[in-house]
Amino acid sequence: MHHRNAPLTPVGRQRAVDQVIDSGRPIAHVASEFRIARTTLSKWVARYREHGDAGLKDHSSAPANRPSRLPVWVLEKVEHWRRKHKWSARRIARELADAHGFACAVRTVTRWLDRLGLNRLRDITPDGENLRSPGKITARYPGHMVHMDVKKVGQIPDGGGWRVHGRGSEQVLAGKRARKQEKVGYTYLHSIEDGFSRLSYTEPLEDEKATTTIGFFHRARVFFAEHGITRITRLVTDNGPNYTASAFSRSTCAFISRHQRTRVYTPRHNGKIERYQRILADECLYARPYASEAERREAIAVWVHHYNYHRPHTACGDQPPASRLHTGVDNVMTNYI
């Protein structure tokens, strides 16, 4: 596609073609003068002779025949069902398969709804009203909503990994050869956060089994109790096997009023703890290189203390999370570090 100041716009192409057709000059000479390839000028001359001025204009590069493109009758069905029944892309794809025997991916239907301008619900309402409003999760008091999750990170070998020695260094290659015999493994960062005060507690553990998660939960409960949070009204987790295990439910049911699990593959429903883990990764896990896994675990303990009592948090009015609790920062002693 040419720009408006390009030397070979349709007008410039017409000049080159006229030199060949009207003046009878050789294509090679004209192409050299206009600094274009001979095949390009030959193509323009042939198009001009066949289509006239229209042959010198830019055309779409899309293929003329696309066998995988949806048939017209399918697009008509998609638009009709969307406008009349307000069906979702998944419902439309299922109806095409069941009622008409036409297999179509849900993503394909979504893409065509976007092209038709029908991807949002307000696009098909009579007055353009948005019938859906984003929800907001609000914790009313300490312990009202407590969020819990696990983050898996690779362990750091003794002597440091590639962040210390650099990628492709001899130390890293030697470590990889040694780890073929014995794997370094992973560290599982179990974290819990109070949605009201943003007070958080993190422990690096060896796995994410239900028994390990139960032990972490009760140690975190003691940590919260030291700060005045003695009752958890709602515990929010994802659908990990450690949280859905019956042993976890039996062990925690006496200390929480409700265990709420997020919708599958929707981590934003537990966004407060997800954001906390992102801050932990940016400000601690990958903020500097570590020489060993033990050194990083010590740094995590120090950073969590800093997060709770010293680091300003925007959700707390640029004050540390512990400042929102009745105990205050100065009166709380933590044995976490």
C-alpha atoms as a PDB file:
ATOM      1  CA  MET A   1       0.000   0.000   0.000  1.00  0.00           C
ATOM      2  CA  HIS A   2       1.514   3.338  -1.060  1.00  0.00           C
ATOM      3  CA  HIS A   3       1.549   6.604   0.874  1.00  0.00           C
ATOM      4  CA  ARG A   4       0.444   9.920  -0.598  1.00  0.00           C
ATOM      5  CA  ASN A   5       3.986  11.128  -1.363  1.00  0.00           C
ATOM      6  CA  ALA A   6       5.212   7.876  -2.861  1.00  0.00           C
ATOM      7  CA  PRO A   7       6.847   8.285  -6.303  1.00  0.00           C
ATOM      8  CA  LEU A   8       4.942   5.324  -7.746  1.00  0.00           C
ATOM      9  CA  THR A   9       1.340   6.026  -6.880  1.00  0.00           C
ATOM     10  CA  PRO A  10      -1.230   5.080  -9.536  1.00  0.00           C
ATOM     11  CA  VAL A  11      -0.325   8.382 -11.251  1.00  0.00           C
ATOM     12  CA  GLY A  12       3.388   7.507 -11.280  1.00  0.00           C
ATOM     13  CA  ARG A  13       2.622   4.021 -12.560  1.00  0.00           C
ATOM     14  CA  GLN A  14       0.578   5.564 -15.354  1.00  0.00           C
ATOM     15  CA  ARG A  15       3.569   7.652 -16.412  1.00  0.00           C
ATOM     16  CA  ALA A  16       5.801   4.591 -16.550  1.00  0.00           C
ATOM     17  CA  VAL A  17       3.225   2.623 -18.552  1.00  0.00           C
ATOM     18  CA  ASP A  18       2.746   5.522 -20.992  1.00  0.00           C
ATOM     19  CA  GLN A  19       6.485   5.521 -21.675  1.00  0.00           C
ATOM     20  CA  VAL A  20       6.175   1.897 -22.805  1.00  0.00           C
ATOM     21  CA  ILE A  21       2.835   1.940 -24.620  1.00  0.00           C
ATOM     22  CA  ASP A  22       2.660   5.444 -26.108  1.00  0.00           C
ATOM     23  CA  SER A  23       6.359   6.165 -26.633  1.00  0.00           C
ATOM     24  CA  GLY A  24       7.331   2.617 -27.495  1.00  0.00           C
ATOM     25  CA  ARG A  25      10.363   2.565 -25.244  1.00  0.00           C
ATOM     26  CA  PRO A  26      11.772  -0.787 -24.047  1.00  0.00           C
ATOM     27  CA  ILE A  27      10.543  -1.973 -20.653  1.00  0.00           C
ATOM     28  CA  ALA A  28      14.103  -2.451 -19.410  1.00  0.00           C
ATOM     29  CA  HIS A  29      15.034   1.189 -20.139  1.00  0.00           C
ATOM     30  CA  VAL A  30      11.894   2.593 -18.495  1.00  0.00           C
ATOM     31  CA  ALA A  31      12.265   0.328 -15.471  1.00  0.00           C
ATOM     32  CA  SER A  32      15.861   1.453 -15.002  1.00  0.00           C
ATOM     33  CA  GLU A  33      14.836   5.085 -15.273  1.00  0.00           C
ATOM     34  CA  PHE A  34      12.053   4.668 -12.668  1.00  0.00           C
ATOM     35  CA  ARG A  35      14.306   2.436 -10.521  1.00  0.00           C
ATOM     36  CA  ILE A  36      11.946  -0.510 -10.421  1.00  0.00           C
ATOM     37  CA  ALA A  37      12.250  -4.122 -11.483  1.00  0.00           C
ATOM     38  CA  ARG A  38      11.493  -5.075 -15.070  1.00  0.00           C
ATOM     39  CA  THR A  39       9.036  -7.737 -13.896  1.00  0.00           C
ATOM     40  CA  THR A  40       7.134  -5.117 -11.904  1.00  0.00           C
ATOM     41  CA  LEU A  41       6.785  -2.789 -14.872  1.00  0.00           C
ATOM     42  CA  SER A  42       5.792  -5.714 -17.123  1.00  0.00           C
ATOM     43  CA  LYS A  43       3.077  -6.603 -14.620  1.00  0.00           C
ATOM     44  CA  TRP A  44       1.744  -3.029 -14.645  1.00  0.00           C
ATOM     45  CA  VAL A  45       1.730  -2.877 -18.426  1.00  0.00           C
ATOM     46  CA  ALA A  46      -0.177  -6.170 -18.668  1.00  0.00           C
ATOM     47  CA  ARG A  47      -2.724  -5.028 -16.087  1.00  0.00           C
ATOM     48  CA  TYR A  48      -3.221  -1.705 -17.865  1.00  0.00           C
ATOM     49  CA  ARG A  49      -3.823  -3.401 -21.180  1.00  0.00           C
ATOM     50  CA  GLU A  50      -6.369  -5.757 -19.583  1.00  0.00           C
ATOM     51  CA  HIS A  51      -8.186  -3.514 -17.093  1.00  0.00           C
ATOM     52  CA  GLY A  52      -7.265   0.057 -18.013  1.00  0.00           C
ATOM     53  CA  ASP A  53      -6.725   2.612 -15.245  1.00  0.00           C
ATOM     54  CA  ALA A  54      -8.249   0.272 -12.645  1.00  0.00           C
ATOM     55  CA  GLY A  55      -5.417  -2.192 -13.194  1.00  0.00           C
ATOM     56  CA  LEU A  56      -2.874   0.281 -11.788  1.00  0.00           C
ATOM     57  CA  LYS A  57      -4.621   0.707  -8.435  1.00  0.00           C
ATOM     58  CA  ASP A  58      -3.751  -1.238  -5.292  1.00  0.00           C
ATOM     59  CA  HIS A  59      -5.731  -4.400  -4.693  1.00  0.00           C
ATOM     60  CA  SER A  60      -6.288  -6.512  -1.611  1.00  0.00           C
ATOM     61  CA  SER A  61      -3.730  -9.243  -1.044  1.00  0.00           C
ATOM     62  CA  ALA A  62      -6.357 -11.585   0.402  1.00  0.00           C
ATOM     63  CA  PRO A  63      -6.738 -14.831  -1.551  1.00  0.00           C
ATOM     64  CA  ALA A  64      -9.711 -15.031  -3.878  1.00  0.00           C
ATOM     65  CA  ASN A  65     -10.684 -18.496  -2.678  1.00  0.00           C
ATOM     66  CA  ARG A  66     -10.573 -19.457   1.016  1.00  0.00           C
ATOM     67  CA  PRO A  67     -11.989 -22.961   1.525  1.00  0.00           C
ATOM     68  CA  SER A  68     -11.785 -22.758   5.333  1.00  0.00           C
ATOM     69  CA  ARG A  69     -13.901 -19.613   5.539  1.00  0.00           C
ATOM     70  CA  LEU A  70     -17.367 -19.996   7.033  1.00  0.00           C
ATOM     71  CA  PRO A  71     -20.164 -20.347   4.464  1.00  0.00           C
ATOM     72  CA  VAL A  72     -22.571 -17.464   4.038  1.00  0.00           C
ATOM     73  CA  TRP A  73     -25.496 -19.412   5.507  1.00  0.00           C
ATOM     74  CA  VAL A  74     -23.491 -20.046   8.691  1.00  0.00           C
ATOM     75  CA  LEU A  75     -22.726 -16.353   9.086  1.00  0.00           C
ATOM     76  CA  GLU A  76     -26.405 -15.574   8.611  1.00  0.00           C
ATOM     77  CA  LYS A  77     -27.291 -18.088  11.321  1.00  0.00           C
ATOM     78  CA  VAL A  78     -24.681 -16.625  13.670  1.00  0.00           C
ATOM     79  CA  GLU A  79     -25.980 -13.093  13.227  1.00  0.00           C
ATOM     80  CA  HIS A  80     -29.640 -14.160  13.482  1.00  0.00           C
ATOM     81  CA  TRP A  81     -29.173 -16.147  16.699  1.00  0.00           C
ATOM     82  CA  ARG A  82     -27.075 -13.414  18.254  1.00  0.00           C
ATOM     83  CA  ARG A  83     -29.560 -10.652  17.481  1.00  0.00           C
ATOM     84  CA  LYS A  84     -32.771 -12.561  18.238  1.00  0.00           C
ATOM     85  CA  HIS A  85     -31.795 -14.869  21.104  1.00  0.00           C
ATOM     86  CA  LYS A  86     -28.677 -13.087  22.430  1.00  0.00           C
ATOM     87  CA  TRP A  87     -26.867 -16.425  22.449  1.00  0.00           C
ATOM     88  CA  SER A  88     -23.231 -16.629  23.441  1.00  0.00           C
ATOM     89  CA  ALA A  89     -20.503 -17.821  21.063  1.00  0.00           C
ATOM     90  CA  ARG A  90     -20.358 -21.178  22.854  1.00  0.00           C
ATOM     91  CA  ARG A  91     -24.124 -21.666  22.527  1.00  0.00           C
ATOM     92  CA  ILE A  92     -24.017 -20.756  18.837  1.00  0.00           C
ATOM     93  CA  ALA A  93     -21.157 -23.190  18.155  1.00  0.00           C
ATOM     94  CA  ARG A  94     -23.067 -25.959  19.952  1.00  0.00           C
ATOM     95  CA  GLU A  95     -26.267 -25.224  18.017  1.00  0.00           C
ATOM     96  CA  LEU A  96     -24.400 -25.349  14.699  1.00  0.00           C
ATOM     97  CA  ALA A  97     -22.962 -28.747  15.597  1.00  0.00           C
ATOM     98  CA  ASP A  98     -26.153 -30.299  17.002  1.00  0.00           C
ATOM     99  CA  ALA A  99     -28.835 -28.874  14.729  1.00  0.00           C
ATOM    100  CA  HIS A 100     -26.943 -28.466  11.463  1.00  0.00           C
ATOM    101  CA  GLY A 101     -23.986 -30.838  11.760  1.00  0.00           C
ATOM    102  CA  PHE A 102     -21.481 -28.034  11.123  1.00  0.00           C
ATOM    103  CA  ALA A 103     -18.383 -28.145  13.329  1.00  0.00           C
ATOM    104  CA  CYS A 104     -17.117 -24.685  14.227  1.00  0.00           C
ATOM    105  CA  ALA A 105     -14.718 -23.571  16.938  1.00  0.00           C
ATOM    106  CA  VAL A 106     -15.984 -21.207  19.618  1.00  0.00           C
ATOM    107  CA  ARG A 107     -13.088 -18.842  18.894  1.00  0.00           C
ATOM    108  CA  THR A 108     -14.176 -18.657  15.245  1.00  0.00           C
ATOM    109  CA  VAL A 109     -17.697 -17.625  16.257  1.00  0.00           C
ATOM    110  CA  THR A 110     -16.273 -15.042  18.658  1.00  0.00           C
ATOM    111  CA  ARG A 111     -14.088 -13.589  15.908  1.00  0.00           C
ATOM    112  CA  TRP A 112     -17.040 -13.254  13.541  1.00  0.00           C
ATOM    113  CA  LEU A 113     -19.213 -11.668  16.231  1.00  0.00           C
ATOM    114  CA  ASP A 114     -16.469  -9.101  16.631  1.00  0.00           C
ATOM    115  CA  ARG A 115     -16.384  -8.460  12.874  1.00  0.00           C
ATOM    116  CA  LEU A 116     -20.173  -8.117  12.779  1.00  0.00           C
ATOM    117  CA  GLY A 117     -20.100  -5.645  15.673  1.00  0.00           C
ATOM    118  CA  LEU A 118     -22.089  -7.965  17.936  1.00  0.00           C
ATOM    119  CA  ASN A 119     -19.413  -9.109  20.363  1.00  0.00           C
ATOM    120  CA  ARG A 120     -20.670  -7.006  23.292  1.00  0.00           C
ATOM    121  CA  LEU A 121     -24.097  -7.385  24.836  1.00  0.00           C
ATOM    122  CA  ARG A 122     -24.816  -3.667  24.610  1.00  0.00           C
ATOM    123  CA  ASP A 123     -24.407  -3.911  20.825  1.00  0.00           C
ATOM    124  CA  ILE A 124     -27.605  -5.956  20.565  1.00  0.00           C
ATOM    125  CA  THR A 125     -29.794  -4.142  23.108  1.00  0.00           C
ATOM    126  CA  PRO A 126     -32.381  -1.723  21.680  1.00  0.00           C
ATOM    127  CA  ASP A 127     -30.992   1.405  23.341  1.00  0.00           C
ATOM    128  CA  GLY A 128     -27.373   0.336  23.581  1.00  0.00           C
ATOM    129  CA  GLU A 129     -27.585  -0.097  27.345  1.00  0.00           C
ATOM    130  CA  ASN A 130     -24.845  -2.092  29.012  1.00  0.00           C
ATOM    131  CA  LEU A 131     -26.710  -4.785  30.931  1.00  0.00           C
ATOM    132  CA  ARG A 132     -23.581  -6.030  32.671  1.00  0.00           C
ATOM    133  CA  SER A 133     -21.544  -4.054  35.135  1.00  0.00           C
ATOM    134  CA  PRO A 134     -18.179  -5.192  36.508  1.00  0.00           C
ATOM    135  CA  GLY A 135     -18.378  -6.542  40.020  1.00  0.00           C
ATOM    136  CA  LYS A 136     -16.132  -5.439  42.843  1.00  0.00           C
ATOM    137  CA  ILE A 137     -14.994  -7.613  45.713  1.00  0.00           C
ATOM    138  CA  THR A 138     -15.045  -5.539  48.900  1.00  0.00           C
ATOM    139  CA  ALA A 139     -13.950  -6.718  52.324  1.00  0.00           C
ATOM    140  CA  ARG A 140     -15.908  -4.924  55.053  1.00  0.00           C
ATOM    141  CA  TYR A 141     -13.773  -5.763  58.081  1.00  0.00           C
ATOM    142  CA  PRO A 142     -10.615  -7.729  59.005  1.00  0.00           C
ATOM    143  CA  GLY A 143     -11.181 -11.409  58.323  1.00  0.00           C
ATOM    144  CA  HIS A 144     -14.234 -10.808  56.135  1.00  0.00           C
ATOM    145  CA  MET A 145     -12.473 -12.115  53.023  1.00  0.00           C
ATOM    146  CA  VAL A 146      -9.138 -13.925  53.211  1.00  0.00           C
ATOM    147  CA  HIS A 147      -7.414 -14.957  49.989  1.00  0.00           C
ATOM    148  CA  MET A 148      -5.100 -17.949  49.681  1.00  0.00           C
ATOM    149  CA  ASP A 149      -2.942 -19.309  46.871  1.00  0.00           C
ATOM    150  CA  VAL A 150       0.289 -21.148  45.990  1.00  0.00           C
ATOM    151  CA  LYS A 151       3.047 -19.978  43.635  1.00  0.00           C
ATOM    152  CA  LYS A 152       5.583 -22.494  42.303  1.00  0.00           C
ATOM    153  CA  VAL A 153       9.132 -21.284  41.578  1.00  0.00           C
ATOM    154  CA  GLY A 154      12.253 -23.199  40.624  1.00  0.00           C
ATOM    155  CA  GLN A 155      14.807 -23.732  43.361  1.00  0.00           C
ATOM    156  CA  ILE A 156      18.205 -22.046  43.156  1.00  0.00           C
ATOM    157  CA  PRO A 157      21.166 -24.455  43.130  1.00  0.00           C
ATOM    158  CA  ASP A 158      24.012 -23.929  45.597  1.00  0.00           C
ATOM    159  CA  GLY A 159      26.413 -21.372  44.179  1.00  0.00           C
ATOM    160  CA  GLY A 160      23.712 -19.553  42.218  1.00  0.00           C
ATOM    161  CA  GLY A 161      22.022 -20.070  38.887  1.00  0.00           C
ATOM    162  CA  TRP A 162      22.186 -18.293  35.558  1.00  0.00           C
ATOM    163  CA  ARG A 163      21.223 -14.950  37.111  1.00  0.00           C
ATOM    164  CA  VAL A 164      24.515 -15.024  39.022  1.00  0.00           C
ATOM    165  CA  HIS A 165      26.842 -16.559  36.421  1.00  0.00           C
ATOM    166  CA  GLY A 166      25.047 -15.638  33.181  1.00  0.00           C
ATOM    167  CA  ARG A 167      23.339 -17.786  30.581  1.00  0.00           C
ATOM    168  CA  GLY A 168      25.604 -20.325  28.912  1.00  0.00           C
ATOM    169  CA  SER A 169      28.372 -19.954  31.492  1.00  0.00           C
ATOM    170  CA  GLU A 170      30.474 -22.930  32.499  1.00  0.00           C
ATOM    171  CA  GLN A 171      28.992 -22.984  36.007  1.00  0.00           C
ATOM    172  CA  VAL A 172      25.446 -23.137  34.642  1.00  0.00           C
ATOM    173  CA  LEU A 173      26.301 -25.887  32.146  1.00  0.00           C
ATOM    174  CA  ALA A 174      28.043 -27.907  34.852  1.00  0.00           C
ATOM    175  CA  GLY A 175      25.025 -27.503  37.092  1.00  0.00           C
ATOM    176  CA  LYS A 176      22.715 -28.732  34.333  1.00  0.00           C
ATOM    177  CA  ARG A 177      24.881 -31.820  33.823  1.00  0.00           C
ATOM    178  CA  ALA A 178      24.822 -32.519  37.538  1.00  0.00           C
ATOM    179  CA  ARG A 179      21.070 -31.984  37.789  1.00  0.00           C
ATOM    180  CA  LYS A 180      20.444 -34.667  35.182  1.00  0.00           C
ATOM    181  CA  GLN A 181      21.269 -37.124  37.922  1.00  0.00           C
ATOM    182  CA  GLU A 182      19.478 -35.238  40.708  1.00  0.00           C
ATOM    183  CA  LYS A 183      16.803 -32.644  39.997  1.00  0.00           C
ATOM    184  CA  VAL A 184      16.849 -29.403  41.966  1.00  0.00           C
ATOM    185  CA  GLY A 185      13.062 -29.247  42.203  1.00  0.00           C
ATOM    186  CA  TYR A 186      10.664 -26.454  43.056  1.00  0.00           C
ATOM    187  CA  THR A 187       9.755 -24.268  45.995  1.00  0.00           C
ATOM    188  CA  TYR A 188       6.058 -23.759  46.697  1.00  0.00           C
ATOM    189  CA  LEU A 189       5.243 -20.337  48.102  1.00  0.00           C
ATOM    190  CA  HIS A 190       2.040 -20.650  50.141  1.00  0.00           C
ATOM    191  CA  SER A 191       0.538 -17.213  50.701  1.00  0.00           C
ATOM    192  CA  ILE A 192      -2.535 -15.864  52.464  1.00  0.00           C
ATOM    193  CA  GLU A 193      -3.795 -12.277  52.580  1.00  0.00           C
ATOM    194  CA  ASP A 194      -6.526 -10.465  54.440  1.00  0.00           C
ATOM    195  CA  GLY A 195      -8.638  -8.591  51.900  1.00  0.00           C
ATOM    196  CA  PHE A 196      -9.463  -5.704  54.254  1.00  0.00           C
ATOM    197  CA  SER A 197      -6.067  -4.821  55.707  1.00  0.00           C
ATOM    198  CA  ARG A 198      -3.900  -6.577  53.055  1.00  0.00           C
ATOM    199  CA  LEU A 199      -1.926  -8.180  55.900  1.00  0.00           C
ATOM    200  CA  SER A 200      -0.104 -11.132  54.311  1.00  0.00           C
ATOM    201  CA  TYR A 201       1.737 -14.249  55.367  1.00  0.00           C
ATOM    202  CA  THR A 202       3.999 -16.392  53.146  1.00  0.00           C
ATOM    203  CA  GLU A 203       5.918 -19.589  53.731  1.00  0.00           C
ATOM    204  CA  PRO A 204       8.225 -21.372  51.248  1.00  0.00           C
ATOM    205  CA  LEU A 205       7.401 -25.091  51.497  1.00  0.00           C
ATOM    206  CA  GLU A 206       8.435 -28.258  49.707  1.00  0.00           C
ATOM    207  CA  ASP A 207       5.103 -29.215  48.086  1.00  0.00           C
ATOM    208  CA  GLU A 208       1.459 -28.214  47.745  1.00  0.00           C
ATOM    209  CA  LYS A 209      -0.213 -31.317  49.111  1.00  0.00           C
ATOM    210  CA  ALA A 210      -3.327 -31.048  51.237  1.00  0.00           C
ATOM    211  CA  THR A 211      -1.493 -31.915  54.463  1.00  0.00           C
ATOM    212  CA  THR A 212       1.116 -29.230  53.802  1.00  0.00           C
ATOM    213  CA  THR A 213      -1.597 -26.691  53.002  1.00  0.00           C
ATOM    214  CA  ILE A 214      -3.464 -27.554  56.213  1.00  0.00           C
ATOM    215  CA  GLY A 215      -0.360 -26.955  58.317  1.00  0.00           C
ATOM    216  CA  PHE A 216       0.275 -23.646  56.568  1.00  0.00           C
ATOM    217  CA  PHE A 217      -3.322 -22.529  57.098  1.00  0.00           C
ATOM    218  CA  HIS A 218      -3.193 -23.087  60.852  1.00  0.00           C
ATOM    219  CA  ARG A 219       0.163 -21.323  61.200  1.00  0.00           C
ATOM    220  CA  ALA A 220      -1.254 -18.423  59.194  1.00  0.00           C
ATOM    221  CA  ARG A 221      -4.324 -18.413  61.443  1.00  0.00           C
ATOM    222  CA  VAL A 222      -2.064 -17.993  64.468  1.00  0.00           C
ATOM    223  CA  PHE A 223      -0.259 -15.143  62.686  1.00  0.00           C
ATOM    224  CA  PHE A 224      -3.587 -13.426  61.970  1.00  0.00           C
ATOM    225  CA  ALA A 225      -4.750 -13.947  65.561  1.00  0.00           C
ATOM    226  CA  GLU A 226      -1.688 -12.079  66.806  1.00  0.00           C
ATOM    227  CA  HIS A 227      -2.930  -9.116  64.790  1.00  0.00           C
ATOM    228  CA  GLY A 228      -6.526  -9.275  66.021  1.00  0.00           C
ATOM    229  CA  ILE A 229      -8.032 -11.363  63.200  1.00  0.00           C
ATOM    230  CA  THR A 230      -9.554 -14.218  65.180  1.00  0.00           C
ATOM    231  CA  ARG A 231     -12.313 -15.277  62.791  1.00  0.00           C
ATOM    232  CA  ILE A 232     -12.306 -15.814  59.024  1.00  0.00           C
ATOM    233  CA  THR A 233     -15.714 -15.231  57.496  1.00  0.00           C
ATOM    234  CA  ARG A 234     -14.847 -16.228  53.935  1.00  0.00           C
ATOM    235  CA  LEU A 235     -11.791 -18.051  52.612  1.00  0.00           C
ATOM    236  CA  VAL A 236     -11.238 -17.603  48.862  1.00  0.00           C
ATOM    237  CA  THR A 237      -9.048 -20.090  46.977  1.00  0.00           C
ATOM    238  CA  ASP A 238      -8.755 -21.552  43.503  1.00  0.00           C
ATOM    239  CA  ASN A 239      -9.687 -25.128  42.576  1.00  0.00           C
ATOM    240  CA  GLY A 240      -6.324 -26.738  43.276  1.00  0.00           C
ATOM    241  CA  PRO A 241      -6.412 -30.316  44.563  1.00  0.00           C
ATOM    242  CA  ASN A 242      -4.973 -29.204  47.897  1.00  0.00           C
ATOM    243  CA  TYR A 243      -7.958 -26.876  48.426  1.00  0.00           C
ATOM    244  CA  THR A 244     -10.646 -29.250  47.141  1.00  0.00           C
ATOM    245  CA  ALA A 245      -9.414 -32.159  49.262  1.00  0.00           C
ATOM    246  CA  SER A 246     -11.851 -33.395  51.891  1.00  0.00           C
ATOM    247  CA  ALA A 247      -9.062 -33.340  54.502  1.00  0.00           C
ATOM    248  CA  PHE A 248      -8.607 -29.585  53.965  1.00  0.00           C
ATOM    249  CA  SER A 249     -12.346 -28.986  54.326  1.00  0.00           C
ATOM    250  CA  ARG A 250     -12.577 -31.020  57.549  1.00  0.00           C
ATOM    251  CA  SER A 251      -9.563 -29.292  59.067  1.00  0.00           C
ATOM    252  CA  THR A 252     -10.658 -25.726  58.288  1.00  0.00           C
ATOM    253  CA  CYS A 253     -14.440 -25.823  58.556  1.00  0.00           C
ATOM    254  CA  ALA A 254     -14.344 -25.027  62.284  1.00  0.00           C
ATOM    255  CA  PHE A 255     -12.384 -21.810  61.731  1.00  0.00           C
ATOM    256  CA  ILE A 256     -14.072 -20.333  58.633  1.00  0.00           C
ATOM    257  CA  SER A 257     -17.712 -19.593  57.907  1.00  0.00           C
ATOM    258  CA  ARG A 258     -17.496 -20.210  54.165  1.00  0.00           C
ATOM    259  CA  HIS A 259     -14.935 -21.624  51.768  1.00  0.00           C
ATOM    260  CA  GLN A 260     -15.411 -20.041  48.341  1.00  0.00           C
ATOM    261  CA  ARG A 261     -13.576 -21.404  45.300  1.00  0.00           C
ATOM    262  CA  THR A 262     -13.158 -19.285  42.182  1.00  0.00           C
ATOM    263  CA  ARG A 263     -14.535 -20.145  38.784  1.00  0.00           C
ATOM    264  CA  VAL A 264     -12.299 -22.532  36.874  1.00  0.00           C
ATOM    265  CA  TYR A 265      -9.571 -20.818  34.799  1.00  0.00           C
ATOM    266  CA  THR A 266     -10.542 -17.406  36.191  1.00  0.00           C
ATOM    267  CA  PRO A 267      -7.681 -16.275  38.451  1.00  0.00           C
ATOM    268  CA  ARG A 268      -8.887 -12.673  38.462  1.00  0.00           C
ATOM    269  CA  HIS A 269     -11.662 -13.723  40.880  1.00  0.00           C
ATOM    270  CA  ASN A 270      -8.882 -14.126  43.426  1.00  0.00           C
ATOM    271  CA  GLY A 271      -7.039 -11.060  42.201  1.00  0.00           C
ATOM    272  CA  LYS A 272      -5.829  -9.671  45.532  1.00  0.00           C
ATOM    273  CA  ILE A 273      -3.569 -12.607  46.296  1.00  0.00           C
ATOM    274  CA  GLU A 274      -2.547 -12.839  42.632  1.00  0.00           C
ATOM    275  CA  ARG A 275      -1.421  -9.209  42.769  1.00  0.00           C
ATOM    276  CA  TYR A 276       0.406  -9.840  46.033  1.00  0.00           C
ATOM    277  CA  GLN A 277       2.340 -12.684  44.416  1.00  0.00           C
ATOM    278  CA  ARG A 278       3.234 -10.417  41.508  1.00  0.00           C
ATOM    279  CA  ILE A 279       4.628  -7.821  43.922  1.00  0.00           C
ATOM    280  CA  LEU A 280       6.519 -10.563  45.754  1.00  0.00           C
ATOM    281  CA  ALA A 281       8.087 -11.712  42.489  1.00  0.00           C
ATOM    282  CA  ASP A 282       9.026  -8.201  41.334  1.00  0.00           C
ATOM    283  CA  GLU A 283      10.362  -6.872  44.626  1.00  0.00           C
ATOM    284  CA  CYS A 284      11.904  -9.982  46.129  1.00  0.00           C
ATOM    285  CA  LEU A 285      12.109 -13.200  44.103  1.00  0.00           C
ATOM    286  CA  TYR A 286      13.701 -11.653  41.010  1.00  0.00           C
ATOM    287  CA  ALA A 287      14.841  -8.323  42.380  1.00  0.00           C
ATOM    288  CA  ARG A 288      18.437  -9.520  42.761  1.00  0.00           C
ATOM    289  CA  PRO A 289      20.425 -12.725  42.221  1.00  0.00           C
ATOM    290  CA  TYR A 290      20.719 -15.219  45.061  1.00  0.00           C
ATOM    291  CA  ALA A 291      23.579 -17.642  45.715  1.00  0.00           C
ATOM    292  CA  SER A 292      21.349 -20.397  47.127  1.00  0.00           C
ATOM    293  CA  GLU A 293      17.769 -21.341  47.859  1.00  0.00           C
ATOM    294  CA  ALA A 294      18.300 -20.797  51.582  1.00  0.00           C
ATOM    295  CA  GLU A 295      19.426 -17.224  50.938  1.00  0.00           C
ATOM    296  CA  ARG A 296      16.298 -16.495  48.918  1.00  0.00           C
ATOM    297  CA  ARG A 297      14.048 -17.979  51.589  1.00  0.00           C
ATOM    298  CA  GLU A 298      15.611 -15.698  54.177  1.00  0.00           C
ATOM    299  CA  ALA A 299      15.041 -12.756  51.842  1.00  0.00           C
ATOM    300  CA  ILE A 300      11.380 -13.721  51.472  1.00  0.00           C
ATOM    301  CA  ALA A 301      10.900 -13.638  55.254  1.00  0.00           C
ATOM    302  CA  VAL A 302      12.514 -10.202  55.470  1.00  0.00           C
ATOM    303  CA  TRP A 303      10.464  -8.859  52.576  1.00  0.00           C
ATOM    304  CA  VAL A 304       7.150 -10.104  54.012  1.00  0.00           C
ATOM    305  CA  HIS A 305       7.940  -8.282  57.254  1.00  0.00           C
ATOM    306  CA  HIS A 306       8.751  -5.155  55.222  1.00  0.00           C
ATOM    307  CA  TYR A 307       5.504  -5.538  53.247  1.00  0.00           C
ATOM    308  CA  ASN A 308       3.328  -5.772  56.348  1.00  0.00           C
ATOM    309  CA  TYR A 309       4.905  -3.082  58.541  1.00  0.00           C
ATOM    310  CA  HIS A 310       6.895  -0.657  56.391  1.00  0.00           C
ATOM    311  CA  ARG A 311       5.924  -0.741  52.704  1.00  0.00           C
ATOM    312  CA  PRO A 312       3.158   1.787  51.801  1.00  0.00           C
ATOM    313  CA  HIS A 313       0.138   0.232  50.114  1.00  0.00           C
ATOM    314  CA  THR A 314      -2.224   2.243  47.913  1.00  0.00           C
ATOM    315  CA  ALA A 315      -5.264   0.283  49.169  1.00  0.00           C
ATOM    316  CA  CYS A 316      -4.358   1.342  52.726  1.00  0.00           C
ATOM    317  CA  GLY A 317      -4.014   5.045  52.013  1.00  0.00           C
ATOM    318  CA  ASP A 318      -0.272   4.781  51.359  1.00  0.00           C
ATOM    319  CA  GLN A 319       0.205   3.193  54.777  1.00  0.00           C
ATOM    320  CA  PRO A 320       1.479  -0.305  55.638  1.00  0.00           C
ATOM    321  CA  PRO A 321      -1.171  -3.061  55.801  1.00  0.00           C
ATOM    322  CA  ALA A 322      -0.754  -3.526  59.579  1.00  0.00           C
ATOM    323  CA  SER A 323      -1.830   0.093  60.104  1.00  0.00           C
ATOM    324  CA  ARG A 324      -5.436  -0.830  59.261  1.00  0.00           C
ATOM    325  CA  LEU A 325      -5.655  -3.217  62.218  1.00  0.00           C
ATOM    326  CA  HIS A 326      -6.585  -2.154  65.730  1.00  0.00           C
ATOM    327  CA  THR A 327      -3.381  -3.556  67.203  1.00  0.00           C
ATOM    328  CA  GLY A 328      -1.203  -1.079  65.275  1.00  0.00           C
ATOM    329  CA  VAL A 329       2.320  -1.551  64.026  1.00  0.00           C
ATOM    330  CA  ASP A 330       4.195  -0.712  67.191  1.00  0.00           C
ATOM    331  CA  ASN A 331       2.232  -3.054  69.462  1.00  0.00           C
ATOM    332  CA  VAL A 332       2.504  -6.181  67.312  1.00  0.00           C
ATOM    333  CA  MET A 333       5.426  -8.538  67.653  1.00  0.00           C
ATOM    334  CA  THR A 334       5.865 -11.097  64.949  1.00  0.00           C
ATOM    335  CA  ASN A 335       8.008 -14.198  65.214  1.00  0.00           C
ATOM    336  CA  TYR A 336       8.007 -14.829  61.474  1.00  0.00           C
ATOM    337  CA  ILE A 337      11.613 -13.733  60.999  1.00  0.00           C
END
